[in-house]
PDB file of N, CA and C in Angstrom:
ATOM      1  N   MET A   1      27.125  -8.870 -79.585  1.00  0.00           N
ATOM      2  CA  MET A   1      26.755 -10.344 -79.231  1.00  0.00           C
ATOM      3  C   MET A   1      27.891 -11.081 -80.081  1.00  0.00           C
ATOM      4  N   PHE A   2      28.480 -12.080 -79.245  1.00  0.00           N
ATOM      5  CA  PHE A   2      29.481 -13.057 -80.006  1.00  0.00           C
ATOM      6  C   PHE A   2      28.927 -13.845 -80.968  1.00  0.00           C
ATOM      7  N   ASP A   3      29.697 -14.049 -81.812  1.00  0.00           N
ATOM      8  CA  ASP A   3      29.108 -15.136 -82.857  1.00  0.00           C
ATOM      9  C   ASP A   3      28.206 -16.471 -82.611  1.00  0.00           C
ATOM     10  N   PHE A   4      29.065 -17.304 -81.533  1.00  0.00           N
ATOM     11  CA  PHE A   4      28.510 -18.339 -81.100  1.00  0.00           C
ATOM     12  C   PHE A   4      26.972 -18.207 -80.540  1.00  0.00           C
ATOM     13  N   GLU A   5      26.801 -17.129 -80.078  1.00  0.00           N
ATOM     14  CA  GLU A   5      25.530 -16.734 -79.284  1.00  0.00           C
ATOM     15  C   GLU A   5      24.394 -16.625 -80.380  1.00  0.00           C
ATOM     16  N   LYS A   6      25.000 -16.702 -81.902  1.00  0.00           N
ATOM     17  CA  LYS A   6      23.655 -16.411 -82.628  1.00  0.00           C
ATOM     18  C   LYS A   6      23.246 -17.842 -82.894  1.00  0.00           C
ATOM     19  N   LEU A   7      24.207 -18.849 -82.854  1.00  0.00           N
ATOM     20  CA  LEU A   7      23.883 -20.093 -83.363  1.00  0.00           C
ATOM     21  C   LEU A   7      22.713 -20.934 -82.651  1.00  0.00           C
ATOM     22  N   ASP A   8      21.831 -21.484 -83.387  1.00  0.00           N
ATOM     23  CA  ASP A   8      20.793 -22.315 -82.694  1.00  0.00           C
ATOM     24  C   ASP A   8      21.166 -23.394 -81.818  1.00  0.00           C
ATOM     25  N   VAL A   9      22.371 -24.038 -82.501  1.00  0.00           N
ATOM     26  CA  VAL A   9      22.953 -24.970 -81.428  1.00  0.00           C
ATOM     27  C   VAL A   9      23.715 -24.937 -79.948  1.00  0.00           C
ATOM     28  N   TYR A  10      24.081 -23.395 -80.203  1.00  0.00           N
ATOM     29  CA  TYR A  10      24.733 -22.965 -78.930  1.00  0.00           C
ATOM     30  C   TYR A  10      23.559 -22.571 -78.031  1.00  0.00           C
ATOM     31  N   GLN A  11      22.745 -22.342 -78.788  1.00  0.00           N
ATOM     32  CA  GLN A  11      21.526 -21.652 -77.718  1.00  0.00           C
ATOM     33  C   GLN A  11      20.702 -23.394 -77.200  1.00  0.00           C
ATOM     34  N   GLU A  12      20.419 -24.219 -78.136  1.00  0.00           N
ATOM     35  CA  GLU A  12      20.117 -25.396 -77.645  1.00  0.00           C
ATOM     36  C   GLU A  12      20.942 -26.236 -76.381  1.00  0.00           C
ATOM     37  N   VAL A  13      22.132 -26.273 -76.447  1.00  0.00           N
ATOM     38  CA  VAL A  13      22.921 -26.724 -75.777  1.00  0.00           C
ATOM     39  C   VAL A  13      23.092 -26.014 -74.436  1.00  0.00           C
ATOM     40  N   ARG A  14      22.867 -24.757 -74.269  1.00  0.00           N
ATOM     41  CA  ARG A  14      22.968 -23.878 -73.558  1.00  0.00           C
ATOM     42  C   ARG A  14      21.903 -24.167 -72.342  1.00  0.00           C
ATOM     43  N   THR A  15      20.568 -24.089 -73.136  1.00  0.00           N
ATOM     44  CA  THR A  15      19.429 -24.444 -71.945  1.00  0.00           C
ATOM     45  C   THR A  15      19.584 -25.851 -71.716  1.00  0.00           C
ATOM     46  N   LEU A  16      19.946 -26.863 -72.250  1.00  0.00           N
ATOM     47  CA  LEU A  16      20.299 -28.227 -71.786  1.00  0.00           C
ATOM     48  C   LEU A  16      20.992 -28.266 -70.718  1.00  0.00           C
ATOM     49  N   ASN A  17      22.094 -27.740 -71.021  1.00  0.00           N
ATOM     50  CA  ASN A  17      23.139 -27.422 -69.840  1.00  0.00           C
ATOM     51  C   ASN A  17      22.537 -26.592 -68.344  1.00  0.00           C
ATOM     52  N   ALA A  18      21.644 -25.885 -68.621  1.00  0.00           N
ATOM     53  CA  ALA A  18      20.818 -25.302 -67.449  1.00  0.00           C
ATOM     54  C   ALA A  18      19.666 -26.070 -66.778  1.00  0.00           C
ATOM     55  N   LYS A  19      19.515 -26.974 -67.607  1.00  0.00           N
ATOM     56  CA  LYS A  19      18.379 -28.014 -67.227  1.00  0.00           C
ATOM     57  C   LYS A  19      19.151 -28.969 -66.232  1.00  0.00           C
ATOM     58  N   VAL A  20      20.209 -29.381 -67.196  1.00  0.00           N
ATOM     59  CA  VAL A  20      20.866 -30.735 -66.162  1.00  0.00           C
ATOM     60  C   VAL A  20      21.524 -30.055 -65.042  1.00  0.00           C
ATOM     61  N   LEU A  21      22.076 -29.098 -65.164  1.00  0.00           N
ATOM     62  CA  LEU A  21      22.665 -28.401 -63.744  1.00  0.00           C
ATOM     63  C   LEU A  21      21.637 -28.343 -62.722  1.00  0.00           C
ATOM     64  N   ARG A  22      20.458 -27.829 -63.020  1.00  0.00           N
ATOM     65  CA  ARG A  22      19.263 -27.738 -62.019  1.00  0.00           C
ATOM     66  C   ARG A  22      19.357 -28.736 -61.619  1.00  0.00           C
ATOM     67  N   TRP A  23      18.951 -29.889 -62.279  1.00  0.00           N
ATOM     68  CA  TRP A  23      18.819 -31.404 -62.142  1.00  0.00           C
ATOM     69  C   TRP A  23      19.525 -31.635 -60.955  1.00  0.00           C
ATOM     70  N   MET A  24      21.021 -31.759 -61.128  1.00  0.00           N
ATOM     71  CA  MET A  24      22.013 -31.793 -60.355  1.00  0.00           C
ATOM     72  C   MET A  24      21.942 -31.485 -59.223  1.00  0.00           C
ATOM     73  N   LEU A  25      21.578 -29.977 -58.864  1.00  0.00           N
ATOM     74  CA  LEU A  25      21.638 -29.264 -57.766  1.00  0.00           C
ATOM     75  C   LEU A  25      20.540 -29.916 -56.945  1.00  0.00           C
ATOM     76  N   SER A  26      19.525 -30.448 -57.492  1.00  0.00           N
ATOM     77  CA  SER A  26      18.289 -30.939 -56.561  1.00  0.00           C
ATOM     78  C   SER A  26      18.420 -32.246 -56.448  1.00  0.00           C
ATOM     79  N   SER A  27      19.445 -33.025 -57.045  1.00  0.00           N
ATOM     80  CA  SER A  27      19.683 -34.383 -56.763  1.00  0.00           C
ATOM     81  C   SER A  27      20.466 -34.861 -55.629  1.00  0.00           C
ATOM     82  N   ALA A  28      20.070 -34.754 -54.564  1.00  0.00           N
ATOM     83  CA  ALA A  28      21.159 -35.102 -53.467  1.00  0.00           C
ATOM     84  C   ALA A  28      21.119 -36.436 -53.362  1.00  0.00           C
ATOM     85  N   GLY A  29      22.251 -37.477 -53.427  1.00  0.00           N
ATOM     86  CA  GLY A  29      22.196 -38.797 -53.152  1.00  0.00           C
ATOM     87  C   GLY A  29      22.302 -39.329 -54.492  1.00  0.00           C
ATOM     88  N   VAL A  30      22.407 -38.936 -55.449  1.00  0.00           N
ATOM     89  CA  VAL A  30      23.035 -39.416 -56.692  1.00  0.00           C
ATOM     90  C   VAL A  30      24.303 -39.644 -56.708  1.00  0.00           C
ATOM     91  N   ASP A  31      24.876 -40.601 -57.545  1.00  0.00           N
ATOM     92  CA  ASP A  31      26.398 -40.555 -57.544  1.00  0.00           C
ATOM     93  C   ASP A  31      27.109 -39.877 -58.072  1.00  0.00           C
ATOM     94  N   ILE A  32      27.867 -39.357 -57.429  1.00  0.00           N
ATOM     95  CA  ILE A  32      28.824 -37.693 -57.642  1.00  0.00           C
ATOM     96  C   ILE A  32      29.619 -38.258 -58.704  1.00  0.00           C
ATOM     97  N   TYR A  33      30.131 -39.285 -59.052  1.00  0.00           N
ATOM     98  CA  TYR A  33      31.030 -39.367 -59.942  1.00  0.00           C
ATOM     99  C   TYR A  33      30.213 -39.392 -61.376  1.00  0.00           C
ATOM    100  N   LEU A  34      29.111 -39.755 -61.384  1.00  0.00           N
ATOM    101  CA  LEU A  34      28.409 -39.634 -62.635  1.00  0.00           C
ATOM    102  C   LEU A  34      27.622 -38.410 -62.631  1.00  0.00           C
ATOM    103  N   THR A  35      27.452 -37.919 -61.907  1.00  0.00           N
ATOM    104  CA  THR A  35      26.933 -36.558 -62.120  1.00  0.00           C
ATOM    105  C   THR A  35      27.825 -35.900 -62.557  1.00  0.00           C
ATOM    106  N   ASP A  36      29.265 -35.658 -61.984  1.00  0.00           N
ATOM    107  CA  ASP A  36      30.442 -35.079 -62.415  1.00  0.00           C
ATOM    108  C   ASP A  36      30.901 -35.170 -63.714  1.00  0.00           C
ATOM    109  N   GLN A  37      30.792 -36.461 -64.303  1.00  0.00           N
ATOM    110  CA  GLN A  37      31.083 -37.085 -65.641  1.00  0.00           C
ATOM    111  C   GLN A  37      30.006 -36.434 -66.656  1.00  0.00           C
ATOM    112  N   LEU A  38      28.809 -36.200 -66.163  1.00  0.00           N
ATOM    113  CA  LEU A  38      27.889 -35.880 -67.119  1.00  0.00           C
ATOM    114  C   LEU A  38      27.888 -34.145 -67.287  1.00  0.00           C
ATOM    115  N   LYS A  39      28.334 -33.745 -66.108  1.00  0.00           N
ATOM    116  CA  LYS A  39      28.367 -32.035 -65.895  1.00  0.00           C
ATOM    117  C   LYS A  39      29.500 -31.623 -66.670  1.00  0.00           C
ATOM    118  N   ARG A  40      30.783 -32.303 -66.795  1.00  0.00           N
ATOM    119  CA  ARG A  40      32.079 -32.296 -67.413  1.00  0.00           C
ATOM    120  C   ARG A  40      31.802 -32.354 -68.700  1.00  0.00           C
ATOM    121  N   ALA A  41      31.006 -33.480 -69.293  1.00  0.00           N
ATOM    122  CA  ALA A  41      30.931 -33.859 -70.684  1.00  0.00           C
ATOM    123  C   ALA A  41      29.704 -32.644 -71.586  1.00  0.00           C
ATOM    124  N   SER A  42      28.669 -32.376 -70.513  1.00  0.00           N
ATOM    125  CA  SER A  42      27.760 -31.366 -71.110  1.00  0.00           C
ATOM    126  C   SER A  42      28.335 -30.074 -71.554  1.00  0.00           C
ATOM    127  N   LEU A  43      29.140 -29.697 -70.250  1.00  0.00           N
ATOM    128  CA  LEU A  43      29.651 -28.240 -70.331  1.00  0.00           C
ATOM    129  C   LEU A  43      30.941 -28.211 -71.582  1.00  0.00           C
ATOM    130  N   LYS A  44      31.305 -29.296 -71.565  1.00  0.00           N
ATOM    131  CA  LYS A  44      32.596 -29.480 -72.551  1.00  0.00           C
ATOM    132  C   LYS A  44      31.780 -29.043 -74.008  1.00  0.00           C
ATOM    133  N   ALA A  45      30.749 -29.800 -74.333  1.00  0.00           N
ATOM    134  CA  ALA A  45      30.237 -29.966 -75.262  1.00  0.00           C
ATOM    135  C   ALA A  45      29.737 -28.087 -75.603  1.00  0.00           C
ATOM    136  N   LEU A  46      29.249 -27.583 -74.718  1.00  0.00           N
ATOM    137  CA  LEU A  46      28.983 -26.155 -74.788  1.00  0.00           C
ATOM    138  C   LEU A  46      30.530 -25.184 -75.007  1.00  0.00           C
ATOM    139  N   LEU A  47      31.313 -25.437 -74.385  1.00  0.00           N
ATOM    140  CA  LEU A  47      32.469 -24.709 -74.413  1.00  0.00           C
ATOM    141  C   LEU A  47      33.311 -24.680 -75.774  1.00  0.00           C
ATOM    142  N   ASN A  48      33.401 -26.044 -76.068  1.00  0.00           N
ATOM    143  CA  ASN A  48      34.258 -26.560 -77.430  1.00  0.00           C
ATOM    144  C   ASN A  48      32.970 -25.756 -78.730  1.00  0.00           C
ATOM    145  N   LEU A  49      32.068 -25.743 -78.637  1.00  0.00           N
ATOM    146  CA  LEU A  49      31.446 -25.068 -79.603  1.00  0.00           C
ATOM    147  C   LEU A  49      31.689 -23.691 -79.613  1.00  0.00           C
ATOM    148  N   ALA A  50      31.496 -23.135 -78.405  1.00  0.00           N
ATOM    149  CA  ALA A  50      31.912 -21.512 -78.451  1.00  0.00           C
ATOM    150  C   ALA A  50      33.455 -21.295 -78.987  1.00  0.00           C
ATOM    151  N   GLU A  51      34.155 -22.397 -78.548  1.00  0.00           N
ATOM    152  CA  GLU A  51      35.576 -21.808 -78.814  1.00  0.00           C
ATOM    153  C   GLU A  51      35.879 -21.983 -80.259  1.00  0.00           C
ATOM    154  N   GLY A  52      35.318 -23.229 -80.892  1.00  0.00           N
ATOM    155  CA  GLY A  52      35.125 -23.452 -82.013  1.00  0.00           C
ATOM    156  C   GLY A  52      34.674 -22.074 -83.186  1.00  0.00           C
ATOM    157  N   THR A  53      33.977 -21.757 -82.650  1.00  0.00           N
ATOM    158  CA  THR A  53      33.075 -20.617 -83.465  1.00  0.00           C
ATOM    159  C   THR A  53      34.226 -19.233 -83.472  1.00  0.00           C
ATOM    160  N   GLY A  54      35.300 -19.470 -82.440  1.00  0.00           N
ATOM    161  CA  GLY A  54      36.216 -18.239 -82.331  1.00  0.00           C
ATOM    162  C   GLY A  54      37.311 -18.563 -83.273  1.00  0.00           C
ATOM    163  N   ARG A  55      37.263 -19.628 -84.015  1.00  0.00           N
ATOM    164  CA  ARG A  55      38.446 -20.099 -84.835  1.00  0.00           C
ATOM    165  C   ARG A  55      38.439 -19.759 -86.096  1.00  0.00           C
ATOM    166  N   MET A  56      39.821 -19.250 -86.517  1.00  0.00           N
ATOM    167  CA  MET A  56      39.514 -18.651 -88.155  1.00  0.00           C
ATOM    168  C   MET A  56      39.566 -19.454 -89.124  1.00  0.00           C
ATOM    169  N   ASN A  57      40.135 -20.506 -89.272  1.00  0.00           N
ATOM    170  CA  ASN A  57      40.362 -21.345 -90.197  1.00  0.00           C
ATOM    171  C   ASN A  57      39.312 -22.814 -90.141  1.00  0.00           C
ATOM    172  N   ASN A  58      38.491 -23.373 -91.299  1.00  0.00           N
ATOM    173  CA  ASN A  58      37.746 -24.484 -91.257  1.00  0.00           C
ATOM    174  C   ASN A  58      38.327 -25.644 -90.385  1.00  0.00           C
ATOM    175  N   ALA A  59      39.590 -25.923 -90.533  1.00  0.00           N
ATOM    176  CA  ALA A  59      40.086 -27.104 -90.137  1.00  0.00           C
ATOM    177  C   ALA A  59      39.980 -26.979 -88.333  1.00  0.00           C
ATOM    178  N   ASP A  60      40.321 -25.736 -88.117  1.00  0.00           N
ATOM    179  CA  ASP A  60      39.925 -25.668 -86.668  1.00  0.00           C
ATOM    180  C   ASP A  60      38.633 -25.566 -86.119  1.00  0.00           C
ATOM    181  N   LYS A  61      37.898 -25.179 -86.783  1.00  0.00           N
ATOM    182  CA  LYS A  61      36.497 -25.006 -86.359  1.00  0.00           C
ATOM    183  C   LYS A  61      36.114 -26.145 -86.461  1.00  0.00           C
ATOM    184  N   ARG A  62      36.299 -27.196 -87.469  1.00  0.00           N
ATOM    185  CA  ARG A  62      35.893 -28.485 -87.510  1.00  0.00           C
ATOM    186  C   ARG A  62      36.486 -29.194 -86.198  1.00  0.00           C
ATOM    187  N   LYS A  63      37.463 -29.560 -85.840  1.00  0.00           N
ATOM    188  CA  LYS A  63      37.820 -29.821 -84.694  1.00  0.00           C
ATOM    189  C   LYS A  63      37.275 -29.525 -83.522  1.00  0.00           C
ATOM    190  N   TYR A  64      37.024 -28.459 -83.274  1.00  0.00           N
ATOM    191  CA  TYR A  64      36.413 -27.867 -82.085  1.00  0.00           C
ATOM    192  C   TYR A  64      34.591 -28.655 -81.917  1.00  0.00           C
ATOM    193  N   TYR A  65      34.302 -28.495 -83.349  1.00  0.00           N
ATOM    194  CA  TYR A  65      33.074 -28.681 -83.336  1.00  0.00           C
ATOM    195  C   TYR A  65      32.502 -30.416 -83.113  1.00  0.00           C
ATOM    196  N   VAL A  66      33.775 -31.099 -83.824  1.00  0.00           N
ATOM    197  CA  VAL A  66      33.750 -32.647 -83.562  1.00  0.00           C
ATOM    198  C   VAL A  66      33.937 -33.007 -82.122  1.00  0.00           C
ATOM    199  N   ASP A  67      34.721 -32.155 -81.548  1.00  0.00           N
ATOM    200  CA  ASP A  67      34.778 -32.376 -79.908  1.00  0.00           C
ATOM    201  C   ASP A  67      33.764 -32.013 -79.144  1.00  0.00           C
ATOM    202  N   ALA A  68      33.152 -31.254 -79.766  1.00  0.00           N
ATOM    203  CA  ALA A  68      32.036 -30.585 -79.051  1.00  0.00           C
ATOM    204  C   ALA A  68      30.464 -31.956 -78.993  1.00  0.00           C
ATOM    205  N   ARG A  69      30.472 -32.297 -80.357  1.00  0.00           N
ATOM    206  CA  ARG A  69      29.720 -33.549 -80.497  1.00  0.00           C
ATOM    207  C   ARG A  69      29.929 -34.717 -79.929  1.00  0.00           C
ATOM    208  N   SER A  70      31.638 -35.303 -79.661  1.00  0.00           N
ATOM    209  CA  SER A  70      31.865 -36.127 -79.112  1.00  0.00           C
ATOM    210  C   SER A  70      31.398 -35.942 -77.329  1.00  0.00           C
ATOM    211  N   ALA A  71      31.307 -34.512 -77.038  1.00  0.00           N
ATOM    212  CA  ALA A  71      31.333 -34.753 -75.701  1.00  0.00           C
ATOM    213  C   ALA A  71      29.685 -34.708 -75.470  1.00  0.00           C
ATOM    214  N   VAL A  72      28.667 -34.554 -76.569  1.00  0.00           N
ATOM    215  CA  VAL A  72      27.270 -34.741 -76.338  1.00  0.00           C
ATOM    216  C   VAL A  72      27.336 -36.535 -75.976  1.00  0.00           C
ATOM    217  N   PHE A  73      27.941 -37.179 -76.980  1.00  0.00           N
ATOM    218  CA  PHE A  73      27.979 -38.685 -77.005  1.00  0.00           C
ATOM    219  C   PHE A  73      28.342 -38.876 -75.438  1.00  0.00           C
ATOM    220  N   GLU A  74      29.224 -38.275 -75.073  1.00  0.00           N
ATOM    221  CA  GLU A  74      29.629 -39.030 -73.607  1.00  0.00           C
ATOM    222  C   GLU A  74      28.504 -38.245 -72.531  1.00  0.00           C
ATOM    223  N   SER A  75      28.035 -37.376 -72.743  1.00  0.00           N
ATOM    224  CA  SER A  75      27.107 -36.882 -71.966  1.00  0.00           C
ATOM    225  C   SER A  75      25.795 -38.126 -72.159  1.00  0.00           C
ATOM    226  N   VAL A  76      25.430 -38.529 -73.273  1.00  0.00           N
ATOM    227  CA  VAL A  76      24.498 -39.519 -73.594  1.00  0.00           C
ATOM    228  C   VAL A  76      24.688 -40.919 -72.347  1.00  0.00           C
ATOM    229  N   ALA A  77      26.089 -41.212 -72.871  1.00  0.00           N
ATOM    230  CA  ALA A  77      26.482 -42.300 -71.995  1.00  0.00           C
ATOM    231  C   ALA A  77      26.293 -42.243 -70.634  1.00  0.00           C
ATOM    232  N   ALA A  78      26.624 -41.100 -70.182  1.00  0.00           N
ATOM    233  CA  ALA A  78      26.664 -41.051 -68.958  1.00  0.00           C
ATOM    234  C   ALA A  78      25.255 -40.874 -68.122  1.00  0.00           C
ATOM    235  N   LEU A  79      24.169 -40.243 -68.909  1.00  0.00           N
ATOM    236  CA  LEU A  79      22.869 -40.279 -68.821  1.00  0.00           C
ATOM    237  C   LEU A  79      22.251 -41.492 -68.801  1.00  0.00           C
ATOM    238  N   HIS A  80      22.639 -42.564 -69.875  1.00  0.00           N
ATOM    239  CA  HIS A  80      22.244 -43.970 -69.947  1.00  0.00           C
ATOM    240  C   HIS A  80      22.554 -44.583 -68.674  1.00  0.00           C
ATOM    241  N   LEU A  81      23.636 -44.032 -67.964  1.00  0.00           N
ATOM    242  CA  LEU A  81      23.761 -44.900 -66.658  1.00  0.00           C
ATOM    243  C   LEU A  81      23.081 -44.232 -65.391  1.00  0.00           C
ATOM    244  N   LEU A  82      22.782 -43.135 -65.592  1.00  0.00           N
ATOM    245  CA  LEU A  82      22.309 -42.163 -64.521  1.00  0.00           C
ATOM    246  C   LEU A  82      20.220 -43.129 -64.199  1.00  0.00           C
ATOM    247  N   PHE A  83      20.194 -43.281 -65.835  1.00  0.00           N
ATOM    248  CA  PHE A  83      18.785 -43.977 -66.295  1.00  0.00           C
ATOM    249  C   PHE A  83      18.672 -45.512 -65.697  1.00  0.00           C
ATOM    250  N   ASP A  84      19.588 -46.227 -66.146  1.00  0.00           N
ATOM    251  CA  ASP A  84      19.726 -47.444 -65.780  1.00  0.00           C
ATOM    252  C   ASP A  84      19.821 -47.889 -64.280  1.00  0.00           C
ATOM    253  N   THR A  85      20.379 -46.765 -63.185  1.00  0.00           N
ATOM    254  CA  THR A  85      20.683 -47.183 -62.062  1.00  0.00           C
ATOM    255  C   THR A  85      19.342 -46.535 -61.227  1.00  0.00           C
ATOM    256  N   GLY A  86      18.165 -45.840 -61.834  1.00  0.00           N
ATOM    257  CA  GLY A  86      17.312 -45.181 -61.616  1.00  0.00           C
ATOM    258  C   GLY A  86      17.378 -43.821 -60.568  1.00  0.00           C
ATOM    259  N   ALA A  87      18.777 -43.320 -60.916  1.00  0.00           N
ATOM    260  CA  ALA A  87      19.011 -41.967 -60.601  1.00  0.00           C
ATOM    261  C   ALA A  87      18.205 -41.043 -61.415  1.00  0.00           C
ATOM    262  N   ILE A  88      17.811 -41.168 -62.379  1.00  0.00           N
ATOM    263  CA  ILE A  88      16.506 -40.408 -63.312  1.00  0.00           C
ATOM    264  C   ILE A  88      15.712 -40.707 -63.520  1.00  0.00           C
ATOM    265  N   GLU A  89      14.387 -39.907 -63.579  1.00  0.00           N
ATOM    266  CA  GLU A  89      13.041 -40.265 -63.933  1.00  0.00           C
ATOM    267  C   GLU A  89      13.157 -40.041 -65.486  1.00  0.00           C
ATOM    268  N   SER A  90      11.993 -41.276 -65.907  1.00  0.00           N
ATOM    269  CA  SER A  90      12.319 -41.420 -67.358  1.00  0.00           C
ATOM    270  C   SER A  90      11.746 -40.370 -68.199  1.00  0.00           C
ATOM    271  N   THR A  91      10.596 -39.431 -67.526  1.00  0.00           N
ATOM    272  CA  THR A  91      10.432 -38.334 -68.651  1.00  0.00           C
ATOM    273  C   THR A  91      11.666 -37.273 -68.632  1.00  0.00           C
ATOM    274  N   LEU A  92      12.376 -37.143 -67.459  1.00  0.00           N
ATOM    275  CA  LEU A  92      13.575 -36.088 -67.461  1.00  0.00           C
ATOM    276  C   LEU A  92      14.723 -36.720 -68.291  1.00  0.00           C
ATOM    277  N   TYR A  93      14.942 -38.152 -68.091  1.00  0.00           N
ATOM    278  CA  TYR A  93      15.550 -38.535 -69.114  1.00  0.00           C
ATOM    279  C   TYR A  93      15.367 -38.527 -70.391  1.00  0.00           C
ATOM    280  N   GLU A  94      14.010 -38.778 -71.258  1.00  0.00           N
ATOM    281  CA  GLU A  94      13.695 -38.167 -72.185  1.00  0.00           C
ATOM    282  C   GLU A  94      13.892 -37.096 -72.753  1.00  0.00           C
ATOM    283  N   GLU A  95      13.717 -36.030 -71.905  1.00  0.00           N
ATOM    284  CA  GLU A  95      13.734 -34.964 -72.263  1.00  0.00           C
ATOM    285  C   GLU A  95      15.668 -34.365 -72.882  1.00  0.00           C
ATOM    286  N   PHE A  96      16.197 -34.815 -71.878  1.00  0.00           N
ATOM    287  CA  PHE A  96      17.531 -34.826 -71.971  1.00  0.00           C
ATOM    288  C   PHE A  96      17.961 -35.282 -73.133  1.00  0.00           C
ATOM    289  N   TYR A  97      17.838 -36.668 -73.076  1.00  0.00           N
ATOM    290  CA  TYR A  97      18.055 -37.548 -74.067  1.00  0.00           C
ATOM    291  C   TYR A  97      17.738 -36.717 -75.519  1.00  0.00           C
ATOM    292  N   ASN A  98      16.691 -36.213 -75.670  1.00  0.00           N
ATOM    293  CA  ASN A  98      16.075 -35.755 -77.024  1.00  0.00           C
ATOM    294  C   ASN A  98      16.983 -34.041 -77.072  1.00  0.00           C
ATOM    295  N   GLY A  99      17.123 -33.383 -75.927  1.00  0.00           N
ATOM    296  CA  GLY A  99      18.101 -32.504 -76.332  1.00  0.00           C
ATOM    297  C   GLY A  99      19.286 -32.695 -76.982  1.00  0.00           C
ATOM    298  N   TYR A 100      20.102 -33.696 -76.232  1.00  0.00           N
ATOM    299  CA  TYR A 100      21.353 -34.376 -76.972  1.00  0.00           C
ATOM    300  C   TYR A 100      21.458 -34.763 -78.145  1.00  0.00           C
ATOM    301  N   ASP A 101      20.252 -35.433 -78.646  1.00  0.00           N
ATOM    302  CA  ASP A 101      19.962 -35.883 -79.836  1.00  0.00           C
ATOM    303  C   ASP A 101      19.944 -34.797 -80.951  1.00  0.00           C
ATOM    304  N   LYS A 102      19.040 -33.693 -80.602  1.00  0.00           N
ATOM    305  CA  LYS A 102      19.242 -32.636 -81.357  1.00  0.00           C
ATOM    306  C   LYS A 102      20.217 -31.643 -81.582  1.00  0.00           C
ATOM    307  N   ALA A 103      20.904 -31.530 -80.558  1.00  0.00           N
ATOM    308  CA  ALA A 103      22.335 -30.950 -80.540  1.00  0.00           C
ATOM    309  C   ALA A 103      23.379 -31.905 -81.306  1.00  0.00           C
ATOM    310  N   SER A 104      23.210 -33.052 -81.251  1.00  0.00           N
ATOM    311  CA  SER A 104      24.344 -33.736 -81.966  1.00  0.00           C
ATOM    312  C   SER A 104      23.899 -33.820 -83.354  1.00  0.00           C
ATOM    313  N   ARG A 105      22.823 -34.220 -83.820  1.00  0.00           N
ATOM    314  CA  ARG A 105      22.428 -33.871 -85.522  1.00  0.00           C
ATOM    315  C   ARG A 105      22.612 -32.168 -86.037  1.00  0.00           C
ATOM    316  N   MET A 106      22.346 -31.411 -84.968  1.00  0.00           N
ATOM    317  CA  MET A 106      23.036 -29.791 -85.610  1.00  0.00           C
ATOM    318  C   MET A 106      24.331 -29.668 -85.580  1.00  0.00           C
ATOM    319  N   LEU A 107      24.730 -30.284 -84.450  1.00  0.00           N
ATOM    320  CA  LEU A 107      26.596 -30.417 -84.959  1.00  0.00           C
ATOM    321  C   LEU A 107      27.223 -31.079 -85.885  1.00  0.00           C
ATOM    322  N   LEU A 108      26.515 -32.081 -86.434  1.00  0.00           N
ATOM    323  CA  LEU A 108      26.871 -32.897 -87.253  1.00  0.00           C
ATOM    324  C   LEU A 108      26.574 -31.996 -88.580  1.00  0.00           C
ATOM    325  N   GLY A 109      25.627 -31.267 -88.605  1.00  0.00           N
ATOM    326  CA  GLY A 109      25.194 -30.215 -89.736  1.00  0.00           C
ATOM    327  C   GLY A 109      26.507 -29.332 -89.905  1.00  0.00           C
ATOM    328  N   MET A 110      26.636 -28.786 -88.658  1.00  0.00           N
ATOM    329  CA  MET A 110      28.009 -27.602 -88.867  1.00  0.00           C
ATOM    330  C   MET A 110      29.352 -28.589 -89.635  1.00  0.00           C
ATOM    331  N   ILE A 111      29.672 -29.659 -88.966  1.00  0.00           N
ATOM    332  CA  ILE A 111      30.541 -30.323 -89.345  1.00  0.00           C
ATOM    333  C   ILE A 111      30.726 -30.709 -90.835  1.00  0.00           C
ATOM    334  N   ARG A 112      29.478 -31.309 -91.148  1.00  0.00           N
ATOM    335  CA  ARG A 112      29.296 -31.569 -92.977  1.00  0.00           C
ATOM    336  C   ARG A 112      29.345 -30.173 -93.521  1.00  0.00           C
ATOM    337  N   SER A 113      29.023 -29.058 -93.238  1.00  0.00           N
ATOM    338  CA  SER A 113      29.121 -27.915 -94.076  1.00  0.00           C
ATOM    339  C   SER A 113      30.592 -27.619 -94.103  1.00  0.00           C
ATOM    340  N   LEU A 114      31.097 -27.750 -93.113  1.00  0.00           N
ATOM    341  CA  LEU A 114      32.668 -27.610 -93.158  1.00  0.00           C
ATOM    342  C   LEU A 114      33.548 -28.255 -93.901  1.00  0.00           C
ATOM    343  N   ASP A 115      32.954 -29.534 -94.145  1.00  0.00           N
ATOM    344  CA  ASP A 115      33.902 -30.878 -95.110  1.00  0.00           C
ATOM    345  C   ASP A 115      33.634 -30.343 -96.351  1.00  0.00           C
ATOM    346  N   GLY A 116      32.484 -29.437 -96.794  1.00  0.00           N
ATOM    347  CA  GLY A 116      32.005 -29.200 -97.952  1.00  0.00           C
ATOM    348  C   GLY A 116      32.646 -28.005 -98.580  1.00  0.00           C
ATOM    349  N   ALA A 117      33.236 -26.988 -97.446  1.00  0.00           N
ATOM    350  CA  ALA A 117      33.763 -25.878 -97.777  1.00  0.00           C
ATOM    351  C   ALA A 117      35.226 -25.992 -98.179  1.00  0.00           C
ATOM    352  N   ALA A 118      35.392 -24.897 -99.318  1.00  0.00           N
ATOM    353  CA  ALA A 118      36.935 -24.904 -99.735  1.00  0.00           C
ATOM    354  C   ALA A 118      37.983 -24.395 -98.962  1.00  0.00           C
TER     355      ALA A 118
END
């Protein structure tokens, strides 16, 4: 098992990505640009988290975790636009939003723990 697979935040973002991707596959007619941006940002959050875990020093780890959290923010902005245009129903929007919020808080904790490490 890889180190990143042991992280609760990785499992949270992985599960969220699977839900988002399944929604996209079943949502014909939704603006392709918005769904592409959401897909890229959400995947970027997952991939930066995994890559950062493989880095050997805290400064490198921190950079990738910050990038992962920034990608979560980007995902939420795209999600807002999808909701505002009626492309996603409110219950699903809330589920995705809450998942990104949880991931963001978890990543912030990881970032702060590295800030305090020597």
